[in-house]
Amino acid sequence: MESRTKRRLSVAELDTLIRAALGAGVLTSNELADGFANAVWRLGLDDGREVVLKVGPPPGLRLLTYERHLLRTEAAVYELAGPAGLPLPALLHASFDDPALGGDHLILSALDGVPWNQVTLPPEDEEAVRYELGRHLARLHAIPGTGVFGYPHAGLTGPTWRDAFGAMTGALLGDAVHYATPLPAAVPEIAALIETASPALDEVVSPSLVHFDVWPGNVFLTRGPGAGSGRIQALIDHERAFWGDPLADFVTPTIFEEIRDDDPLVAGYLDAGGTLELTEAARTRVALYRVYLYLILLVENGPRQYPEESYARIRDLATRSLERSLADLRDT
């Protein structure tokens, strides 16, 4: 999607950047437009490799508070999750505060699969992918943390999950005020509902690595036909990751819906050693995480300025879903 946060680089600039990082020149370049925040290109190199270049937003552009150093968060996830066995592209190069570029960038190995949201699978294959995704999430959540909750690279952290989540939601509501984001309830009311429900967060006593953007566009599948087709090749776009409650990772794969006990995603998660109990307190936490997610979808239009024809449907879905989640918090 078009966004004001996406950098514009010429082929010559791409070639200079890649030569400095990998020692190879660019033969072909194709901008990948599906992402929302960073500019992304698939590049064919003169040494035969194909890579993906992700370039952070222009320096000086005001982003949402949690979006500070997005690519540093993503690089940290690659360093942690790759050795843990998660299916990921290879991180080939990372550069932060690059003086020539004026910002951050990552270079990743290119995938030959297809995003899950671009294919139609038979029901049994769809269930198999959801089951496999649940297993991968269990592996991600088993990565040990350092005791700090929240977004370390954005400076939104806390010694407890309640403290960190309060900092995260408080910053996002502050962004909503700054950008005058239309919301279905007043910011003070939303803040009060979150505060009233926040004791449910005290059940989370150790931080887990949470992707928090596992929608089908960020899940690559192997291409068919043949054995292994339709399986998960890689999970991508880890920049929204934080240290927190594993339950939060069930919000994006069920976006605009509900978590079902009979979802293969849940079965895969439990079979791989994950723990998931949808108690009343857990459902309150889910409502909090949905409020946070839908707020992100609405407030991020402030810095990004999406085209109306592309954004209208997402805005309407997020607004209605936020209304429902706020209602859930009022009923707790």
C-alpha atoms as a PDB file:
ATOM      1  CA  MET A   1       0.000   0.000   0.000  1.00  0.00           C
ATOM      2  CA  GLU A   2       1.185   3.515  -0.704  1.00  0.00           C
ATOM      3  CA  SER A   3       2.433   5.271   2.437  1.00  0.00           C
ATOM      4  CA  ARG A   4       4.263   8.497   3.218  1.00  0.00           C
ATOM      5  CA  THR A   5       6.712   6.428   5.285  1.00  0.00           C
ATOM      6  CA  LYS A   6       8.096   4.589   2.249  1.00  0.00           C
ATOM      7  CA  ARG A   7      11.407   5.809   0.858  1.00  0.00           C
ATOM      8  CA  ARG A   8      11.964   6.297  -2.864  1.00  0.00           C
ATOM      9  CA  LEU A   9      15.347   5.084  -4.139  1.00  0.00           C
ATOM     10  CA  SER A  10      16.586   5.032  -7.713  1.00  0.00           C
ATOM     11  CA  VAL A  11      18.119   1.942  -9.301  1.00  0.00           C
ATOM     12  CA  ALA A  12      21.526   3.621  -9.029  1.00  0.00           C
ATOM     13  CA  GLU A  13      21.012   4.238  -5.308  1.00  0.00           C
ATOM     14  CA  LEU A  14      19.917   0.618  -4.807  1.00  0.00           C
ATOM     15  CA  ASP A  15      23.001  -0.597  -6.658  1.00  0.00           C
ATOM     16  CA  THR A  16      25.329   1.553  -4.538  1.00  0.00           C
ATOM     17  CA  LEU A  17      23.749   0.350  -1.310  1.00  0.00           C
ATOM     18  CA  ILE A  18      23.881  -3.349  -2.253  1.00  0.00           C
ATOM     19  CA  ARG A  19      27.461  -3.163  -3.557  1.00  0.00           C
ATOM     20  CA  ALA A  20      28.608  -1.635  -0.287  1.00  0.00           C
ATOM     21  CA  ALA A  21      26.806  -4.282   1.767  1.00  0.00           C
ATOM     22  CA  LEU A  22      27.200  -7.487  -0.256  1.00  0.00           C
ATOM     23  CA  GLY A  23      29.831  -6.739  -2.896  1.00  0.00           C
ATOM     24  CA  ALA A  24      27.456  -7.445  -5.773  1.00  0.00           C
ATOM     25  CA  GLY A  25      25.585  -5.214  -8.187  1.00  0.00           C
ATOM     26  CA  VAL A  26      21.877  -4.980  -8.924  1.00  0.00           C
ATOM     27  CA  LEU A  27      20.652  -6.428 -12.237  1.00  0.00           C
ATOM     28  CA  THR A  28      16.894  -6.294 -11.607  1.00  0.00           C
ATOM     29  CA  SER A  29      14.714  -4.483  -9.085  1.00  0.00           C
ATOM     30  CA  ASN A  30      11.049  -4.883  -8.235  1.00  0.00           C
ATOM     31  CA  GLU A  31       9.393  -2.860  -5.487  1.00  0.00           C
ATOM     32  CA  LEU A  32       7.088  -4.969  -3.308  1.00  0.00           C
ATOM     33  CA  ALA A  33       4.056  -2.852  -2.510  1.00  0.00           C
ATOM     34  CA  ASP A  34       2.166  -5.125  -0.089  1.00  0.00           C
ATOM     35  CA  GLY A  35       3.848  -3.780   3.050  1.00  0.00           C
ATOM     36  CA  PHE A  36       2.570  -0.817   5.044  1.00  0.00           C
ATOM     37  CA  ALA A  37       5.562   0.928   6.682  1.00  0.00           C
ATOM     38  CA  ASN A  38       8.955   0.223   5.121  1.00  0.00           C
ATOM     39  CA  ALA A  39       9.950   0.414   1.469  1.00  0.00           C
ATOM     40  CA  VAL A  40      10.796  -3.081   0.199  1.00  0.00           C
ATOM     41  CA  TRP A  41      12.477  -4.253  -3.019  1.00  0.00           C
ATOM     42  CA  ARG A  42      13.220  -7.696  -4.437  1.00  0.00           C
ATOM     43  CA  LEU A  43      16.585  -7.451  -6.164  1.00  0.00           C
ATOM     44  CA  GLY A  44      18.389  -9.767  -8.584  1.00  0.00           C
ATOM     45  CA  LEU A  45      22.163  -9.499  -8.176  1.00  0.00           C
ATOM     46  CA  ASP A  46      24.953 -10.029 -10.667  1.00  0.00           C
ATOM     47  CA  ASP A  47      26.337 -12.911  -8.581  1.00  0.00           C
ATOM     48  CA  GLY A  48      23.119 -14.895  -9.079  1.00  0.00           C
ATOM     49  CA  ARG A  49      21.535 -14.202  -5.716  1.00  0.00           C
ATOM     50  CA  GLU A  50      18.085 -12.751  -5.152  1.00  0.00           C
ATOM     51  CA  VAL A  51      17.638 -10.654  -2.025  1.00  0.00           C
ATOM     52  CA  VAL A  52      15.039  -8.466  -0.366  1.00  0.00           C
ATOM     53  CA  LEU A  53      15.985  -4.977   0.773  1.00  0.00           C
ATOM     54  CA  LYS A  54      13.939  -3.270   3.499  1.00  0.00           C
ATOM     55  CA  VAL A  55      14.558   0.435   4.017  1.00  0.00           C
ATOM     56  CA  GLY A  56      13.188   2.296   7.025  1.00  0.00           C
ATOM     57  CA  PRO A  57      11.181   5.518   6.821  1.00  0.00           C
ATOM     58  CA  PRO A  58      12.906   8.828   6.041  1.00  0.00           C
ATOM     59  CA  PRO A  59      14.797  10.274   9.018  1.00  0.00           C
ATOM     60  CA  GLY A  60      12.929  13.072  10.706  1.00  0.00           C
ATOM     61  CA  LEU A  61       9.480  11.795   9.754  1.00  0.00           C
ATOM     62  CA  ARG A  62       7.339  11.502  12.891  1.00  0.00           C
ATOM     63  CA  LEU A  63       6.064   7.943  13.320  1.00  0.00           C
ATOM     64  CA  LEU A  64       3.937   6.285  15.964  1.00  0.00           C
ATOM     65  CA  THR A  65       5.880   6.123  19.210  1.00  0.00           C
ATOM     66  CA  TYR A  66       6.196   2.336  19.180  1.00  0.00           C
ATOM     67  CA  GLU A  67       7.577   2.500  15.624  1.00  0.00           C
ATOM     68  CA  ARG A  68      10.909   4.010  16.644  1.00  0.00           C
ATOM     69  CA  HIS A  69      13.697   1.792  15.305  1.00  0.00           C
ATOM     70  CA  LEU A  70      11.342  -0.696  13.625  1.00  0.00           C
ATOM     71  CA  LEU A  71      14.098  -2.431  11.675  1.00  0.00           C
ATOM     72  CA  ARG A  72      16.267  -2.784  14.779  1.00  0.00           C
ATOM     73  CA  THR A  73      13.412  -4.671  16.403  1.00  0.00           C
ATOM     74  CA  GLU A  74      13.117  -6.869  13.322  1.00  0.00           C
ATOM     75  CA  ALA A  75      16.843  -7.589  13.213  1.00  0.00           C
ATOM     76  CA  ALA A  76      16.760  -8.591  16.890  1.00  0.00           C
ATOM     77  CA  VAL A  77      13.970 -11.080  16.165  1.00  0.00           C
ATOM     78  CA  TYR A  78      15.993 -12.680  13.354  1.00  0.00           C
ATOM     79  CA  GLU A  79      18.961 -13.069  15.676  1.00  0.00           C
ATOM     80  CA  LEU A  80      16.821 -14.750  18.338  1.00  0.00           C
ATOM     81  CA  ALA A  81      14.257 -16.719  16.340  1.00  0.00           C
ATOM     82  CA  GLY A  82      16.493 -18.162  13.629  1.00  0.00           C
ATOM     83  CA  PRO A  83      18.597 -20.241  16.047  1.00  0.00           C
ATOM     84  CA  ALA A  84      15.362 -21.348  17.763  1.00  0.00           C
ATOM     85  CA  GLY A  85      14.251 -23.091  14.565  1.00  0.00           C
ATOM     86  CA  LEU A  86      11.632 -20.661  13.318  1.00  0.00           C
ATOM     87  CA  PRO A  87      11.267 -20.659   9.514  1.00  0.00           C
ATOM     88  CA  LEU A  88      12.637 -17.270   8.465  1.00  0.00           C
ATOM     89  CA  PRO A  89      14.512 -15.653   5.597  1.00  0.00           C
ATOM     90  CA  ALA A  90      18.229 -15.329   6.298  1.00  0.00           C
ATOM     91  CA  LEU A  91      19.344 -11.938   7.580  1.00  0.00           C
ATOM     92  CA  LEU A  92      22.295 -11.129   5.292  1.00  0.00           C
ATOM     93  CA  HIS A  93      23.066  -7.588   6.387  1.00  0.00           C
ATOM     94  CA  ALA A  94      21.802  -4.965   8.825  1.00  0.00           C
ATOM     95  CA  SER A  95      22.810  -1.313   8.914  1.00  0.00           C
ATOM     96  CA  PHE A  96      21.572   1.309  11.356  1.00  0.00           C
ATOM     97  CA  ASP A  97      21.980   5.069  10.986  1.00  0.00           C
ATOM     98  CA  ASP A  98      23.692   4.496   7.650  1.00  0.00           C
ATOM     99  CA  PRO A  99      25.349   7.875   6.875  1.00  0.00           C
ATOM    100  CA  ALA A 100      24.939   7.444   3.098  1.00  0.00           C
ATOM    101  CA  LEU A 101      21.290   6.441   3.305  1.00  0.00           C
ATOM    102  CA  GLY A 102      20.311   8.459   6.332  1.00  0.00           C
ATOM    103  CA  GLY A 103      18.501   5.649   8.120  1.00  0.00           C
ATOM    104  CA  ASP A 104      18.265   1.898   8.736  1.00  0.00           C
ATOM    105  CA  HIS A 105      18.046  -0.999   6.297  1.00  0.00           C
ATOM    106  CA  LEU A 106      18.047  -4.793   6.271  1.00  0.00           C
ATOM    107  CA  ILE A 107      18.975  -7.210   3.483  1.00  0.00           C
ATOM    108  CA  LEU A 108      17.327 -10.627   3.579  1.00  0.00           C
ATOM    109  CA  SER A 109      17.428 -13.731   1.442  1.00  0.00           C
ATOM    110  CA  ALA A 110      14.534 -13.767  -1.041  1.00  0.00           C
ATOM    111  CA  LEU A 111      11.794 -16.376  -0.690  1.00  0.00           C
ATOM    112  CA  ASP A 112      10.388 -18.418  -3.577  1.00  0.00           C
ATOM    113  CA  GLY A 113       7.042 -19.054  -1.894  1.00  0.00           C
ATOM    114  CA  VAL A 114       3.807 -17.091  -1.954  1.00  0.00           C
ATOM    115  CA  PRO A 115       2.004 -15.134   0.788  1.00  0.00           C
ATOM    116  CA  TRP A 116      -0.853 -17.067   2.351  1.00  0.00           C
ATOM    117  CA  ASN A 117      -3.318 -14.261   1.567  1.00  0.00           C
ATOM    118  CA  GLN A 118      -2.621 -14.644  -2.157  1.00  0.00           C
ATOM    119  CA  VAL A 119      -3.674 -18.281  -2.487  1.00  0.00           C
ATOM    120  CA  THR A 120      -6.915 -20.185  -2.013  1.00  0.00           C
ATOM    121  CA  LEU A 121      -6.392 -23.494  -0.239  1.00  0.00           C
ATOM    122  CA  PRO A 122      -8.787 -26.424   0.139  1.00  0.00           C
ATOM    123  CA  PRO A 123     -10.287 -26.502   3.654  1.00  0.00           C
ATOM    124  CA  GLU A 124      -8.076 -29.388   4.772  1.00  0.00           C
ATOM    125  CA  ASP A 125      -4.919 -27.574   3.624  1.00  0.00           C
ATOM    126  CA  GLU A 126      -6.080 -24.350   5.287  1.00  0.00           C
ATOM    127  CA  GLU A 127      -6.472 -26.239   8.553  1.00  0.00           C
ATOM    128  CA  ALA A 128      -3.036 -27.832   8.126  1.00  0.00           C
ATOM    129  CA  VAL A 129      -1.409 -24.410   7.675  1.00  0.00           C
ATOM    130  CA  ARG A 130      -3.163 -23.029  10.757  1.00  0.00           C
ATOM    131  CA  TYR A 131      -2.033 -26.065  12.765  1.00  0.00           C
ATOM    132  CA  GLU A 132       1.556 -25.598  11.565  1.00  0.00           C
ATOM    133  CA  LEU A 133       1.421 -21.891  12.396  1.00  0.00           C
ATOM    134  CA  GLY A 134       0.330 -22.740  15.936  1.00  0.00           C
ATOM    135  CA  ARG A 135       3.386 -24.958  16.335  1.00  0.00           C
ATOM    136  CA  HIS A 136       5.680 -22.193  15.117  1.00  0.00           C
ATOM    137  CA  LEU A 137       4.129 -19.696  17.541  1.00  0.00           C
ATOM    138  CA  ALA A 138       4.756 -22.087  20.428  1.00  0.00           C
ATOM    139  CA  ARG A 139       8.419 -22.252  19.395  1.00  0.00           C
ATOM    140  CA  LEU A 140       8.622 -18.454  19.164  1.00  0.00           C
ATOM    141  CA  HIS A 141       7.100 -17.990  22.605  1.00  0.00           C
ATOM    142  CA  ALA A 142       9.587 -20.404  24.155  1.00  0.00           C
ATOM    143  CA  ILE A 143      12.494 -18.042  23.396  1.00  0.00           C
ATOM    144  CA  PRO A 144      13.675 -16.803  26.805  1.00  0.00           C
ATOM    145  CA  GLY A 145      13.448 -13.108  27.554  1.00  0.00           C
ATOM    146  CA  THR A 146      15.674 -10.857  29.626  1.00  0.00           C
ATOM    147  CA  GLY A 147      13.016  -9.886  32.176  1.00  0.00           C
ATOM    148  CA  VAL A 148      11.980  -6.664  30.433  1.00  0.00           C
ATOM    149  CA  PHE A 149       8.501  -6.313  28.960  1.00  0.00           C
ATOM    150  CA  GLY A 150       7.470  -4.149  26.012  1.00  0.00           C
ATOM    151  CA  TYR A 151       9.394  -2.577  23.112  1.00  0.00           C
ATOM    152  CA  PRO A 152      13.035  -2.134  24.187  1.00  0.00           C
ATOM    153  CA  HIS A 153      14.117  -0.382  20.977  1.00  0.00           C
ATOM    154  CA  ALA A 154      11.243   2.109  21.210  1.00  0.00           C
ATOM    155  CA  GLY A 155      11.794   2.807  24.904  1.00  0.00           C
ATOM    156  CA  LEU A 156       8.329   1.533  25.862  1.00  0.00           C
ATOM    157  CA  THR A 157       9.154  -0.974  28.575  1.00  0.00           C
ATOM    158  CA  GLY A 158       8.300  -1.904  32.138  1.00  0.00           C
ATOM    159  CA  PRO A 159       9.312  -4.322  34.869  1.00  0.00           C
ATOM    160  CA  THR A 160       5.842  -5.912  34.695  1.00  0.00           C
ATOM    161  CA  TRP A 161       3.549  -6.636  31.771  1.00  0.00           C
ATOM    162  CA  ARG A 162       0.925  -4.293  33.226  1.00  0.00           C
ATOM    163  CA  ASP A 163       3.483  -1.462  33.363  1.00  0.00           C
ATOM    164  CA  ALA A 164       4.742  -2.095  29.835  1.00  0.00           C
ATOM    165  CA  PHE A 165       1.281  -2.446  28.318  1.00  0.00           C
ATOM    166  CA  GLY A 166       0.264   0.761  30.046  1.00  0.00           C
ATOM    167  CA  ALA A 167       3.245   2.520  28.468  1.00  0.00           C
ATOM    168  CA  MET A 168       2.437   1.020  25.049  1.00  0.00           C
ATOM    169  CA  THR A 169      -1.241   1.949  25.079  1.00  0.00           C
ATOM    170  CA  GLY A 170      -0.576   5.331  26.652  1.00  0.00           C
ATOM    171  CA  ALA A 171       1.895   6.186  23.883  1.00  0.00           C
ATOM    172  CA  LEU A 172      -0.546   5.053  21.196  1.00  0.00           C
ATOM    173  CA  LEU A 173      -3.380   7.120  22.651  1.00  0.00           C
ATOM    174  CA  GLY A 174      -0.996  10.063  22.777  1.00  0.00           C
ATOM    175  CA  ASP A 175      -0.322   9.504  19.078  1.00  0.00           C
ATOM    176  CA  ALA A 176      -4.084   9.443  18.468  1.00  0.00           C
ATOM    177  CA  VAL A 177      -4.376  12.863  20.083  1.00  0.00           C
ATOM    178  CA  HIS A 178      -1.441  14.214  18.078  1.00  0.00           C
ATOM    179  CA  TYR A 179      -2.927  13.067  14.761  1.00  0.00           C
ATOM    180  CA  ALA A 180      -6.532  13.854  15.764  1.00  0.00           C
ATOM    181  CA  THR A 181      -7.493  10.287  14.834  1.00  0.00           C
ATOM    182  CA  PRO A 182     -11.278   9.747  14.636  1.00  0.00           C
ATOM    183  CA  LEU A 183     -12.110   7.054  17.203  1.00  0.00           C
ATOM    184  CA  PRO A 184     -15.448   5.524  18.273  1.00  0.00           C
ATOM    185  CA  ALA A 185     -14.900   6.703  21.866  1.00  0.00           C
ATOM    186  CA  ALA A 186     -13.079   9.580  23.515  1.00  0.00           C
ATOM    187  CA  VAL A 187      -9.408   8.998  24.339  1.00  0.00           C
ATOM    188  CA  PRO A 188      -9.918   9.496  28.127  1.00  0.00           C
ATOM    189  CA  GLU A 189     -12.711   6.890  28.097  1.00  0.00           C
ATOM    190  CA  ILE A 190     -10.547   4.387  26.226  1.00  0.00           C
ATOM    191  CA  ALA A 191      -7.672   5.002  28.643  1.00  0.00           C
ATOM    192  CA  ALA A 192      -9.987   4.499  31.627  1.00  0.00           C
ATOM    193  CA  LEU A 193     -11.360   1.217  30.230  1.00  0.00           C
ATOM    194  CA  ILE A 194      -7.831  -0.085  29.690  1.00  0.00           C
ATOM    195  CA  GLU A 195      -6.777   0.944  33.198  1.00  0.00           C
ATOM    196  CA  THR A 196      -9.823  -0.692  34.802  1.00  0.00           C
ATOM    197  CA  ALA A 197      -9.155  -3.989  32.988  1.00  0.00           C
ATOM    198  CA  SER A 198      -5.384  -3.933  33.489  1.00  0.00           C
ATOM    199  CA  PRO A 199      -5.271  -6.136  36.646  1.00  0.00           C
ATOM    200  CA  ALA A 200      -5.904  -9.091  34.314  1.00  0.00           C
ATOM    201  CA  LEU A 201      -2.423  -8.465  32.881  1.00  0.00           C
ATOM    202  CA  ASP A 202      -0.809  -9.387  36.205  1.00  0.00           C
ATOM    203  CA  GLU A 203      -1.277 -13.071  35.329  1.00  0.00           C
ATOM    204  CA  VAL A 204       1.637 -12.665  32.878  1.00  0.00           C
ATOM    205  CA  VAL A 205       4.798 -12.918  34.972  1.00  0.00           C
ATOM    206  CA  SER A 206       7.524 -13.596  32.386  1.00  0.00           C
ATOM    207  CA  PRO A 207       8.021 -11.973  28.970  1.00  0.00           C
ATOM    208  CA  SER A 208       7.707 -14.007  25.795  1.00  0.00           C
ATOM    209  CA  LEU A 209       8.686 -12.893  22.301  1.00  0.00           C
ATOM    210  CA  VAL A 210       5.434 -11.963  20.533  1.00  0.00           C
ATOM    211  CA  HIS A 211       5.260 -11.320  16.777  1.00  0.00           C
ATOM    212  CA  PHE A 212       1.914  -9.447  16.918  1.00  0.00           C
ATOM    213  CA  ASP A 213       1.539  -9.244  13.141  1.00  0.00           C
ATOM    214  CA  VAL A 214       0.881 -12.843  12.113  1.00  0.00           C
ATOM    215  CA  TRP A 215      -1.769 -12.165   9.500  1.00  0.00           C
ATOM    216  CA  PRO A 216      -1.737 -14.257   6.286  1.00  0.00           C
ATOM    217  CA  GLY A 217       0.231 -11.644   4.333  1.00  0.00           C
ATOM    218  CA  ASN A 218       3.177 -12.259   6.668  1.00  0.00           C
ATOM    219  CA  VAL A 219       3.094 -16.057   6.307  1.00  0.00           C
ATOM    220  CA  PHE A 220       4.806 -17.416   3.183  1.00  0.00           C
ATOM    221  CA  LEU A 221       3.807 -20.831   1.852  1.00  0.00           C
ATOM    222  CA  THR A 222       5.787 -23.146  -0.391  1.00  0.00           C
ATOM    223  CA  ARG A 223       4.513 -23.290  -3.942  1.00  0.00           C
ATOM    224  CA  GLY A 224       2.848 -26.414  -5.367  1.00  0.00           C
ATOM    225  CA  PRO A 225       2.557 -28.876  -6.880  1.00  0.00           C
ATOM    226  CA  GLY A 226       4.558 -31.545  -5.139  1.00  0.00           C
ATOM    227  CA  ALA A 227       5.353 -32.792  -1.665  1.00  0.00           C
ATOM    228  CA  GLY A 228       5.506 -30.015   0.860  1.00  0.00           C
ATOM    229  CA  SER A 229       3.491 -27.546  -1.174  1.00  0.00           C
ATOM    230  CA  GLY A 230       1.181 -25.401   0.885  1.00  0.00           C
ATOM    231  CA  ARG A 231       3.450 -25.696   3.923  1.00  0.00           C
ATOM    232  CA  ILE A 232       4.814 -22.680   5.767  1.00  0.00           C
ATOM    233  CA  GLN A 233       8.085 -21.562   4.225  1.00  0.00           C
ATOM    234  CA  ALA A 234       8.720 -18.525   6.414  1.00  0.00           C
ATOM    235  CA  LEU A 235       7.276 -15.952   8.787  1.00  0.00           C
ATOM    236  CA  ILE A 236       8.179 -12.378   7.826  1.00  0.00           C
ATOM    237  CA  ASP A 237       7.809  -8.745   8.982  1.00  0.00           C
ATOM    238  CA  HIS A 238       8.794  -8.919  12.637  1.00  0.00           C
ATOM    239  CA  GLU A 239       9.071  -5.179  13.270  1.00  0.00           C
ATOM    240  CA  ARG A 240       5.973  -5.000  15.501  1.00  0.00           C
ATOM    241  CA  ALA A 241       7.359  -7.692  17.849  1.00  0.00           C
ATOM    242  CA  PHE A 242       7.457  -7.061  21.594  1.00  0.00           C
ATOM    243  CA  TRP A 243       8.154  -8.898  24.823  1.00  0.00           C
ATOM    244  CA  GLY A 244       4.871  -9.720  26.524  1.00  0.00           C
ATOM    245  CA  ASP A 245       1.951 -12.118  26.730  1.00  0.00           C
ATOM    246  CA  PRO A 246       1.939 -15.068  24.263  1.00  0.00           C
ATOM    247  CA  LEU A 247      -1.856 -14.809  24.153  1.00  0.00           C
ATOM    248  CA  ALA A 248      -1.470 -11.572  22.169  1.00  0.00           C
ATOM    249  CA  ASP A 249      -0.207 -13.580  19.183  1.00  0.00           C
ATOM    250  CA  PHE A 250      -3.642 -15.133  18.751  1.00  0.00           C
ATOM    251  CA  VAL A 251      -5.186 -11.739  17.998  1.00  0.00           C
ATOM    252  CA  THR A 252      -3.733 -11.062  14.543  1.00  0.00           C
ATOM    253  CA  PRO A 253      -4.361 -14.572  13.083  1.00  0.00           C
ATOM    254  CA  THR A 254      -8.015 -14.134  14.159  1.00  0.00           C
ATOM    255  CA  ILE A 255      -8.278 -10.436  13.285  1.00  0.00           C
ATOM    256  CA  PHE A 256     -11.868  -9.132  13.150  1.00  0.00           C
ATOM    257  CA  GLU A 257     -13.022 -12.535  14.479  1.00  0.00           C
ATOM    258  CA  GLU A 258     -12.781 -14.514  17.742  1.00  0.00           C
ATOM    259  CA  ILE A 259     -10.412 -17.172  19.089  1.00  0.00           C
ATOM    260  CA  ARG A 260     -12.124 -20.567  18.862  1.00  0.00           C
ATOM    261  CA  ASP A 261     -11.195 -23.556  20.992  1.00  0.00           C
ATOM    262  CA  ASP A 262     -11.519 -25.796  17.914  1.00  0.00           C
ATOM    263  CA  ASP A 263      -9.202 -23.670  15.741  1.00  0.00           C
ATOM    264  CA  PRO A 264      -6.323 -25.823  14.385  1.00  0.00           C
ATOM    265  CA  LEU A 265      -4.077 -22.903  15.324  1.00  0.00           C
ATOM    266  CA  VAL A 266      -4.838 -23.615  18.985  1.00  0.00           C
ATOM    267  CA  ALA A 267      -4.386 -27.380  18.540  1.00  0.00           C
ATOM    268  CA  GLY A 268      -0.973 -26.924  16.928  1.00  0.00           C
ATOM    269  CA  TYR A 269       0.093 -24.547  19.662  1.00  0.00           C
ATOM    270  CA  LEU A 270      -0.889 -26.931  22.445  1.00  0.00           C
ATOM    271  CA  ASP A 271       0.641 -29.957  20.699  1.00  0.00           C
ATOM    272  CA  ALA A 272       3.962 -28.097  20.433  1.00  0.00           C
ATOM    273  CA  GLY A 273       4.039 -27.407  24.163  1.00  0.00           C
ATOM    274  CA  GLY A 274       2.316 -24.031  24.320  1.00  0.00           C
ATOM    275  CA  THR A 275      -0.101 -23.178  27.121  1.00  0.00           C
ATOM    276  CA  LEU A 276      -3.443 -21.569  26.356  1.00  0.00           C
ATOM    277  CA  GLU A 277      -6.416 -21.375  28.702  1.00  0.00           C
ATOM    278  CA  LEU A 278      -9.242 -19.048  27.703  1.00  0.00           C
ATOM    279  CA  THR A 279     -10.348 -18.190  31.237  1.00  0.00           C
ATOM    280  CA  GLU A 280     -12.370 -15.059  31.975  1.00  0.00           C
ATOM    281  CA  ALA A 281      -9.171 -13.194  32.811  1.00  0.00           C
ATOM    282  CA  ALA A 282      -7.592 -14.421  29.576  1.00  0.00           C
ATOM    283  CA  ARG A 283     -10.584 -13.193  27.576  1.00  0.00           C
ATOM    284  CA  THR A 284     -10.182  -9.788  29.225  1.00  0.00           C
ATOM    285  CA  ARG A 285      -6.555  -9.760  28.108  1.00  0.00           C
ATOM    286  CA  VAL A 286      -7.625 -10.694  24.576  1.00  0.00           C
ATOM    287  CA  ALA A 287     -10.047  -7.752  24.579  1.00  0.00           C
ATOM    288  CA  LEU A 288      -7.213  -5.458  25.670  1.00  0.00           C
ATOM    289  CA  TYR A 289      -4.939  -6.722  22.906  1.00  0.00           C
ATOM    290  CA  ARG A 290      -7.701  -6.293  20.333  1.00  0.00           C
ATOM    291  CA  VAL A 291      -8.210  -2.714  21.473  1.00  0.00           C
ATOM    292  CA  TYR A 292      -4.485  -2.129  21.059  1.00  0.00           C
ATOM    293  CA  LEU A 293      -4.378  -3.723  17.590  1.00  0.00           C
ATOM    294  CA  TYR A 294      -7.407  -1.861  16.252  1.00  0.00           C
ATOM    295  CA  LEU A 295      -6.063   1.401  17.630  1.00  0.00           C
ATOM    296  CA  ILE A 296      -2.830   0.790  15.722  1.00  0.00           C
ATOM    297  CA  LEU A 297      -4.756   0.212  12.494  1.00  0.00           C
ATOM    298  CA  LEU A 298      -6.569   3.516  12.959  1.00  0.00           C
ATOM    299  CA  VAL A 299      -3.842   5.758  14.366  1.00  0.00           C
ATOM    300  CA  GLU A 300      -1.105   4.684  11.926  1.00  0.00           C
ATOM    301  CA  ASN A 301      -2.930   6.448   9.105  1.00  0.00           C
ATOM    302  CA  GLY A 302      -1.780   9.706  10.713  1.00  0.00           C
ATOM    303  CA  PRO A 303       1.899   9.459   9.748  1.00  0.00           C
ATOM    304  CA  ARG A 304       1.359   7.187   6.739  1.00  0.00           C
ATOM    305  CA  GLN A 305      -1.512   8.972   4.956  1.00  0.00           C
ATOM    306  CA  TYR A 306      -2.818   5.957   3.080  1.00  0.00           C
ATOM    307  CA  PRO A 307      -4.792   6.472  -0.146  1.00  0.00           C
ATOM    308  CA  GLU A 308      -8.482   6.631   0.790  1.00  0.00           C
ATOM    309  CA  GLU A 309      -9.527   4.021  -1.770  1.00  0.00           C
ATOM    310  CA  SER A 310      -7.071   1.510  -0.254  1.00  0.00           C
ATOM    311  CA  TYR A 311      -7.610   2.364   3.401  1.00  0.00           C
ATOM    312  CA  ALA A 312     -11.373   2.904   3.709  1.00  0.00           C
ATOM    313  CA  ARG A 313     -12.263  -0.773   4.173  1.00  0.00           C
ATOM    314  CA  ILE A 314      -9.543  -1.355   6.807  1.00  0.00           C
ATOM    315  CA  ARG A 315     -10.579   1.801   8.688  1.00  0.00           C
ATOM    316  CA  ASP A 316     -14.247   0.768   8.744  1.00  0.00           C
ATOM    317  CA  LEU A 317     -13.471  -2.791   9.890  1.00  0.00           C
ATOM    318  CA  ALA A 318     -11.059  -1.551  12.574  1.00  0.00           C
ATOM    319  CA  THR A 319     -13.533   1.050  13.842  1.00  0.00           C
ATOM    320  CA  ARG A 320     -16.375  -1.456  14.200  1.00  0.00           C
ATOM    321  CA  SER A 321     -14.061  -4.028  15.781  1.00  0.00           C
ATOM    322  CA  LEU A 322     -12.690  -1.447  18.218  1.00  0.00           C
ATOM    323  CA  GLU A 323     -16.248  -0.575  19.240  1.00  0.00           C
ATOM    324  CA  ARG A 324     -16.946  -4.261  19.985  1.00  0.00           C
ATOM    325  CA  SER A 325     -13.724  -4.705  21.954  1.00  0.00           C
ATOM    326  CA  LEU A 326     -14.381  -1.587  24.025  1.00  0.00           C
ATOM    327  CA  ALA A 327     -17.848  -2.946  24.736  1.00  0.00           C
ATOM    328  CA  ASP A 328     -16.232  -6.187  25.910  1.00  0.00           C
ATOM    329  CA  LEU A 329     -14.069  -4.193  28.332  1.00  0.00           C
ATOM    330  CA  ARG A 330     -17.124  -2.332  29.667  1.00  0.00           C
ATOM    331  CA  ASP A 331     -18.744  -5.699  30.406  1.00  0.00           C
ATOM    332  CA  THR A 332     -15.794  -7.101  32.363  1.00  0.00           C
END
